[in-house]
């Protein structure tokens, strides 16, 4: 079964099994967090070039 979600950057469909999962906390000590899914290419396009990109070797 191909379950889809919405990419938090572009708003288009992304297959859950292919998506990058992001977890956001309001601060480092927060217990609550919110999760988001996105395309690899969308996250890569948002990261500064100085950020290590070992997740994107296959792009």
C-alpha atoms as a PDB file:
ATOM      1  CA  UNK A   1       0.000   0.000   0.000  1.00  0.00           C
ATOM      2  CA  UNK A   2       1.356   3.440  -0.949  1.00  0.00           C
ATOM      3  CA  UNK A   3       0.435   5.823   1.858  1.00  0.00           C
ATOM      4  CA  UNK A   4       0.896   9.478   0.997  1.00  0.00           C
ATOM      5  CA  UNK A   5       1.356  12.610   3.080  1.00  0.00           C
ATOM      6  CA  UNK A   6       1.804  16.287   2.272  1.00  0.00           C
ATOM      7  CA  UNK A   7       5.313  17.703   2.008  1.00  0.00           C
ATOM      8  CA  UNK A   8       5.655  20.509   4.561  1.00  0.00           C
ATOM      9  CA  UNK A   9       7.734  22.584   2.116  1.00  0.00           C
ATOM     10  CA  UNK A  10       6.082  22.295  -1.299  1.00  0.00           C
ATOM     11  CA  UNK A  11       2.598  21.077  -0.361  1.00  0.00           C
ATOM     12  CA  UNK A  12       2.668  18.229  -2.867  1.00  0.00           C
ATOM     13  CA  UNK A  13       2.144  14.545  -2.150  1.00  0.00           C
ATOM     14  CA  UNK A  14       5.058  12.481  -0.870  1.00  0.00           C
ATOM     15  CA  UNK A  15       5.076   8.739  -0.285  1.00  0.00           C
ATOM     16  CA  UNK A  16       5.518   8.156   3.445  1.00  0.00           C
ATOM     17  CA  UNK A  17       8.042   5.374   2.837  1.00  0.00           C
ATOM     18  CA  UNK A  18      10.204   7.794   0.784  1.00  0.00           C
ATOM     19  CA  UNK A  19       9.739  10.908   2.925  1.00  0.00           C
ATOM     20  CA  UNK A  20      12.185  12.553   5.298  1.00  0.00           C
ATOM     21  CA  UNK A  21      10.721  12.804   8.800  1.00  0.00           C
ATOM     22  CA  UNK A  22      11.429  16.046  10.653  1.00  0.00           C
ATOM     23  CA  UNK A  23      10.853  16.604  14.361  1.00  0.00           C
ATOM     24  CA  UNK A  24      10.637  20.131  15.779  1.00  0.00           C
ATOM     25  CA  UNK A  25      10.784  21.294  19.396  1.00  0.00           C
ATOM     26  CA  UNK A  26      10.214  24.879  20.523  1.00  0.00           C
ATOM     27  CA  UNK A  27      13.388  24.607  22.580  1.00  0.00           C
ATOM     28  CA  UNK A  28      15.931  21.924  23.415  1.00  0.00           C
ATOM     29  CA  UNK A  29      14.326  21.072  26.775  1.00  0.00           C
ATOM     30  CA  UNK A  30      10.750  20.891  25.476  1.00  0.00           C
ATOM     31  CA  UNK A  31       8.905  17.618  25.861  1.00  0.00           C
ATOM     32  CA  UNK A  32       6.361  18.354  23.151  1.00  0.00           C
ATOM     33  CA  UNK A  33       7.382  18.140  19.542  1.00  0.00           C
ATOM     34  CA  UNK A  34       5.708  18.188  16.164  1.00  0.00           C
ATOM     35  CA  UNK A  35       6.545  15.973  13.238  1.00  0.00           C
ATOM     36  CA  UNK A  36       6.581  16.852   9.555  1.00  0.00           C
ATOM     37  CA  UNK A  37       7.249  14.910   6.368  1.00  0.00           C
ATOM     38  CA  UNK A  38       8.947  16.207   3.249  1.00  0.00           C
ATOM     39  CA  UNK A  39      10.661  15.248   0.001  1.00  0.00           C
ATOM     40  CA  UNK A  40      14.446  14.814   0.203  1.00  0.00           C
ATOM     41  CA  UNK A  41      14.905  17.374  -2.580  1.00  0.00           C
ATOM     42  CA  UNK A  42      12.726  19.929  -0.755  1.00  0.00           C
ATOM     43  CA  UNK A  43      14.725  19.653   2.471  1.00  0.00           C
ATOM     44  CA  UNK A  44      18.003  19.752   0.557  1.00  0.00           C
ATOM     45  CA  UNK A  45      16.924  22.944  -1.214  1.00  0.00           C
ATOM     46  CA  UNK A  46      16.152  24.616   2.135  1.00  0.00           C
ATOM     47  CA  UNK A  47      19.418  23.750   3.898  1.00  0.00           C
ATOM     48  CA  UNK A  48      22.341  26.134   3.767  1.00  0.00           C
ATOM     49  CA  UNK A  49      25.240  24.767   1.714  1.00  0.00           C
ATOM     50  CA  UNK A  50      27.415  24.754   4.863  1.00  0.00           C
ATOM     51  CA  UNK A  51      25.199  22.110   6.512  1.00  0.00           C
ATOM     52  CA  UNK A  52      26.532  18.577   6.171  1.00  0.00           C
ATOM     53  CA  UNK A  53      24.389  16.753   3.641  1.00  0.00           C
ATOM     54  CA  UNK A  54      25.212  13.078   4.168  1.00  0.00           C
ATOM     55  CA  UNK A  55      21.474  12.300   3.893  1.00  0.00           C
ATOM     56  CA  UNK A  56      21.445  13.377   0.274  1.00  0.00           C
ATOM     57  CA  UNK A  57      24.287  11.399  -1.262  1.00  0.00           C
ATOM     58  CA  UNK A  58      21.807   9.613  -3.535  1.00  0.00           C
ATOM     59  CA  UNK A  59      20.497  12.828  -5.121  1.00  0.00           C
END
